[in-house]
Amino acid sequence: MRIVDLSRDLYHRTPTYPGQPPIIHGVWKTHEEAFAESGNVQGNSVMFFSMPDHGGTHIDAPRHFGKNGTPIDEYPLENCYVKGICIDLRHIAPKAEITPADLEAAVEKSGSSVPKKGTVLLCTGHHERTFPTAAYSTDNSGVNVAATEWLAKQGIVHFGIDSMRPGPIGVVNSLVHKACLELDITHIESLCNLEALIGKGEFRFIGLPLKWRGGTGSPIRAVAVLDE
């Protein structure tokens, strides 16, 4: 068994989606301060963070797409422990739309079938090429509505991508979010290290969200478990 980490690091001011709050991470109490407060017995350091529920590697809850959608604390955990495949879309140009034909060809090339009630991870190479430059926030390729519909028809519960939005920047991305609500699927954003899964066949995907009451999404520790 081998576990492949697909999660971005979280650190002070790590890139976040344009217009959303920054990720703030700092020291609340140092070892030295705590040691003095304890009467020189033990110094237990404590850190703190503040971040949007869509910061870093995260899953979008249906509540993100519509006010009556399921919040993240009620999202089925069964959907967070599923079979998955990763397909190679690194040849798609930056900012371009990924079409159903692109997905079909990539799945066929992978030699694996799309798992029912599973996930498909889209390796566009965007994180590897651009993170943490400014281009990471703007230049990603992504699925269009027809491709989102194609993925839903395969019976998945969600799909994932190595950029901070599922569609290319602009109206198409908004329409993809709208389509996810209508199709009753969701997606995972800001994955990384998907290149390690190319050609590996089917794996077990794990991405458990925080139990964030009423949340519209949540950071996850996304991993792929390979039988090797």
Protein backbone atom coordinates (compact mmCIF):
# COMPACT_ATOMS: atom_id res chain seq x y z
CA MET A 1 0.00 0.00 0.00
CA ARG A 2 1.19 3.53 -0.80
CA ILE A 3 -0.49 6.76 0.21
CA VAL A 4 -0.09 9.72 -2.14
CA ASP A 5 -0.72 13.14 -0.60
CA LEU A 6 -2.82 15.31 -2.94
CA SER A 7 -3.16 18.29 -0.61
CA ARG A 8 -1.64 21.75 -0.80
CA ASP A 9 0.32 23.09 2.16
CA LEU A 10 -1.51 25.59 4.35
CA TYR A 11 0.63 28.47 5.59
CA HIS A 12 0.36 32.19 6.30
CA ARG A 13 -0.91 34.02 3.20
CA THR A 14 -1.00 30.92 1.00
CA PRO A 15 -2.83 31.81 -2.25
CA THR A 16 -6.61 31.94 -1.91
CA TYR A 17 -9.40 32.47 -4.41
CA PRO A 18 -9.52 36.10 -5.59
CA GLY A 19 -11.91 38.14 -3.44
CA GLN A 20 -12.00 35.65 -0.56
CA PRO A 21 -10.42 36.25 2.87
CA PRO A 22 -6.72 35.49 3.28
CA ILE A 23 -5.37 32.52 5.19
CA ILE A 24 -3.87 33.84 8.39
CA HIS A 25 -1.62 31.61 10.50
CA GLY A 26 0.38 32.69 13.50
CA VAL A 27 1.65 31.91 17.00
CA TRP A 28 -0.87 32.47 19.81
CA LYS A 29 1.55 31.49 22.54
CA THR A 30 5.22 30.55 22.37
CA HIS A 31 6.87 27.72 24.31
CA GLU A 32 8.75 30.32 26.33
CA GLU A 33 5.57 32.24 27.27
CA ALA A 34 3.71 29.07 28.24
CA PHE A 35 6.71 27.83 30.25
CA ALA A 36 6.77 31.04 32.27
CA GLU A 37 2.98 30.93 32.83
CA SER A 38 3.19 27.35 34.11
CA GLY A 39 5.70 28.29 36.76
CA ASN A 40 8.56 26.87 34.71
CA VAL A 41 6.95 23.40 34.56
CA GLN A 42 6.00 22.90 30.91
CA GLY A 43 5.76 25.11 27.83
CA ASN A 44 2.97 24.12 25.43
CA SER A 45 2.96 26.30 22.32
CA VAL A 46 -0.35 27.10 20.57
CA MET A 47 -0.89 28.42 17.06
CA PHE A 48 -4.04 29.83 15.41
CA PHE A 49 -5.47 30.21 11.93
CA SER A 50 -8.24 32.09 10.14
CA MET A 51 -9.36 31.06 6.66
CA PRO A 52 -12.35 30.81 4.31
CA ASP A 53 -14.09 27.45 4.10
CA HIS A 54 -12.83 27.28 0.50
CA GLY A 55 -9.17 27.76 1.38
CA GLY A 56 -6.46 25.39 0.20
CA THR A 57 -7.40 21.90 -1.00
CA HIS A 58 -11.13 21.73 -0.33
CA ILE A 59 -14.48 20.25 -1.28
CA ASP A 60 -17.46 22.40 -2.24
CA ALA A 61 -20.66 21.58 -0.38
CA PRO A 62 -23.95 21.76 -2.31
CA ARG A 63 -24.75 24.75 -0.03
CA HIS A 64 -22.07 26.63 -1.97
CA PHE A 65 -24.13 26.33 -5.16
CA GLY A 66 -27.52 27.22 -3.67
CA LYS A 67 -28.89 28.33 -0.30
CA ASN A 68 -31.03 25.20 0.01
CA GLY A 69 -28.13 22.87 -0.75
CA THR A 70 -26.66 20.46 1.79
CA PRO A 71 -24.13 22.12 4.11
CA ILE A 72 -20.76 20.48 4.59
CA ASP A 73 -21.53 19.13 8.07
CA GLU A 74 -24.40 17.12 6.55
CA TYR A 75 -22.57 16.01 3.40
CA PRO A 76 -22.43 12.18 3.24
CA LEU A 77 -19.08 10.91 4.48
CA GLU A 78 -19.57 7.90 2.20
CA ASN A 79 -18.86 10.31 -0.67
CA CYS A 80 -15.51 11.15 0.87
CA TYR A 81 -14.16 7.59 0.80
CA VAL A 82 -14.58 6.35 -2.76
CA LYS A 83 -12.87 4.64 -5.67
CA GLY A 84 -11.22 6.95 -8.15
CA ILE A 85 -9.15 7.31 -11.29
CA CYS A 86 -6.89 10.11 -12.48
CA ILE A 87 -6.81 11.17 -16.13
CA ASP A 88 -4.11 13.09 -17.98
CA LEU A 89 -5.23 16.43 -19.41
CA ARG A 90 -1.86 18.18 -19.31
CA HIS A 91 -1.98 18.75 -23.08
CA ILE A 92 -4.96 21.10 -22.73
CA ALA A 93 -3.88 24.72 -23.14
CA PRO A 94 -4.05 27.20 -20.22
CA LYS A 95 -7.47 28.89 -19.90
CA ALA A 96 -9.00 26.43 -22.40
CA GLU A 97 -12.25 24.54 -21.94
CA ILE A 98 -12.05 20.80 -21.34
CA THR A 99 -14.74 19.12 -23.44
CA PRO A 100 -16.53 15.75 -23.23
CA ALA A 101 -14.35 14.51 -26.11
CA ASP A 102 -11.23 15.41 -24.11
CA LEU A 103 -12.53 13.47 -21.12
CA GLU A 104 -13.54 10.43 -23.16
CA ALA A 105 -10.14 10.26 -24.83
CA ALA A 106 -8.29 10.66 -21.53
CA VAL A 107 -10.35 7.96 -19.81
CA GLU A 108 -9.75 5.58 -22.72
CA LYS A 109 -6.03 6.31 -22.64
CA SER A 110 -5.93 5.65 -18.88
CA GLY A 111 -7.08 2.07 -19.43
CA SER A 112 -9.50 2.37 -16.50
CA SER A 113 -13.23 2.86 -16.34
CA VAL A 114 -14.96 5.58 -14.35
CA PRO A 115 -16.01 4.07 -11.01
CA LYS A 116 -19.70 4.34 -10.16
CA LYS A 117 -20.30 6.51 -7.09
CA GLY A 118 -16.62 7.38 -7.28
CA THR A 119 -14.46 10.26 -8.41
CA VAL A 120 -12.42 11.36 -11.41
CA LEU A 121 -9.37 13.51 -10.75
CA LEU A 122 -8.36 15.80 -13.61
CA CYS A 123 -4.59 16.27 -13.90
CA THR A 124 -4.20 19.46 -15.93
CA GLY A 125 -0.67 20.14 -14.70
CA HIS A 126 -1.79 23.62 -13.64
CA HIS A 127 -0.54 23.42 -10.05
CA GLU A 128 2.80 21.96 -11.12
CA ARG A 129 3.29 24.68 -13.76
CA THR A 130 2.14 27.79 -11.93
CA PHE A 131 1.93 27.50 -8.14
CA PRO A 132 2.48 29.85 -6.29
CA THR A 133 2.78 32.51 -9.03
CA ALA A 134 0.00 34.92 -9.98
CA ALA A 135 -0.84 32.69 -12.96
CA TYR A 136 -2.12 30.05 -10.54
CA SER A 137 -5.14 32.29 -9.85
CA THR A 138 -6.02 32.98 -13.49
CA ASP A 139 -4.59 30.65 -16.12
CA ASN A 140 -6.17 27.27 -15.40
CA SER A 141 -7.94 25.15 -17.95
CA GLY A 142 -11.19 23.60 -16.75
CA VAL A 143 -14.30 21.70 -17.70
CA ASN A 144 -17.20 23.33 -19.48
CA VAL A 145 -20.87 22.57 -18.77
CA ALA A 146 -21.06 19.77 -21.34
CA ALA A 147 -18.01 18.10 -19.78
CA THR A 148 -19.54 18.47 -16.31
CA GLU A 149 -22.69 16.81 -17.60
CA TRP A 150 -20.61 14.02 -19.13
CA LEU A 151 -18.90 13.38 -15.80
CA ALA A 152 -22.24 13.28 -13.98
CA LYS A 153 -23.61 10.77 -16.48
CA GLN A 154 -20.77 8.40 -15.55
CA GLY A 155 -22.32 8.10 -12.08
CA ILE A 156 -19.64 9.93 -10.05
CA VAL A 157 -20.31 11.73 -6.77
CA HIS A 158 -17.68 14.39 -7.46
CA PHE A 159 -14.62 15.23 -9.55
CA GLY A 160 -11.40 16.95 -8.60
CA ILE A 161 -8.95 19.28 -10.30
CA ASP A 162 -5.49 20.74 -9.63
CA SER A 163 -6.58 24.38 -9.81
CA MET A 164 -8.67 26.69 -7.63
CA ARG A 165 -11.76 26.49 -9.85
CA PRO A 166 -13.38 23.65 -11.85
CA GLY A 167 -13.88 25.68 -15.02
CA PRO A 168 -11.73 28.24 -16.79
CA ILE A 169 -11.94 31.71 -15.28
CA GLY A 170 -15.07 33.69 -16.15
CA VAL A 171 -18.69 32.86 -16.98
CA VAL A 172 -17.94 29.23 -17.81
CA ASN A 173 -16.77 28.59 -14.26
CA SER A 174 -20.00 30.06 -12.86
CA LEU A 175 -22.05 27.90 -15.21
CA VAL A 176 -20.13 24.79 -14.11
CA HIS A 177 -20.99 25.53 -10.48
CA LYS A 178 -24.65 25.97 -11.50
CA ALA A 179 -24.53 22.68 -13.39
CA CYS A 180 -23.13 20.86 -10.34
CA LEU A 181 -26.15 21.97 -8.33
CA GLU A 182 -28.55 20.80 -11.02
CA LEU A 183 -26.72 17.50 -11.55
CA ASP A 184 -26.39 16.75 -7.82
CA ILE A 185 -22.62 16.35 -7.87
CA THR A 186 -19.84 18.47 -6.44
CA HIS A 187 -16.12 18.99 -6.99
CA ILE A 188 -12.80 19.25 -5.20
CA GLU A 189 -10.46 22.14 -5.93
CA SER A 190 -6.78 22.98 -5.40
CA LEU A 191 -5.50 19.41 -5.52
CA CYS A 192 -1.81 18.86 -6.25
CA ASN A 193 0.59 16.04 -7.08
CA LEU A 194 -1.91 14.40 -9.43
CA GLU A 195 0.97 13.60 -11.77
CA ALA A 196 1.90 10.79 -9.35
CA LEU A 197 -1.38 9.03 -10.16
CA ILE A 198 -1.12 9.02 -13.96
CA GLY A 199 -1.03 5.43 -15.23
CA LYS A 200 -1.67 3.96 -11.77
CA GLY A 201 -5.19 2.73 -12.50
CA GLU A 202 -7.93 2.70 -9.88
CA PHE A 203 -7.20 3.80 -6.32
CA ARG A 204 -9.04 4.66 -3.13
CA PHE A 205 -9.65 8.39 -2.69
CA ILE A 206 -10.05 9.82 0.81
CA GLY A 207 -10.93 13.44 1.49
CA LEU A 208 -12.74 14.04 4.78
CA PRO A 209 -14.11 17.54 5.48
CA LEU A 210 -14.22 19.36 8.79
CA LYS A 211 -17.57 19.25 10.56
CA TRP A 212 -18.14 22.94 9.87
CA ARG A 213 -21.73 23.73 10.92
CA GLY A 214 -23.64 25.17 7.98
CA GLY A 215 -20.43 25.39 5.94
CA THR A 216 -20.41 25.94 2.19
CA GLY A 217 -17.24 23.88 1.87
CA SER A 218 -14.29 22.63 3.85
CA PRO A 219 -10.55 22.09 3.63
CA ILE A 220 -9.73 18.38 3.31
CA ARG A 221 -6.60 16.25 3.57
CA ALA A 222 -6.95 14.58 0.19
CA VAL A 223 -5.04 11.36 -0.39
CA ALA A 224 -5.00 8.47 -2.85
CA VAL A 225 -4.34 4.97 -1.52
CA LEU A 226 -2.63 2.71 -4.06
CA ASP A 227 -2.38 -1.05 -3.81
CA GLU A 228 1.31 -1.62 -4.51
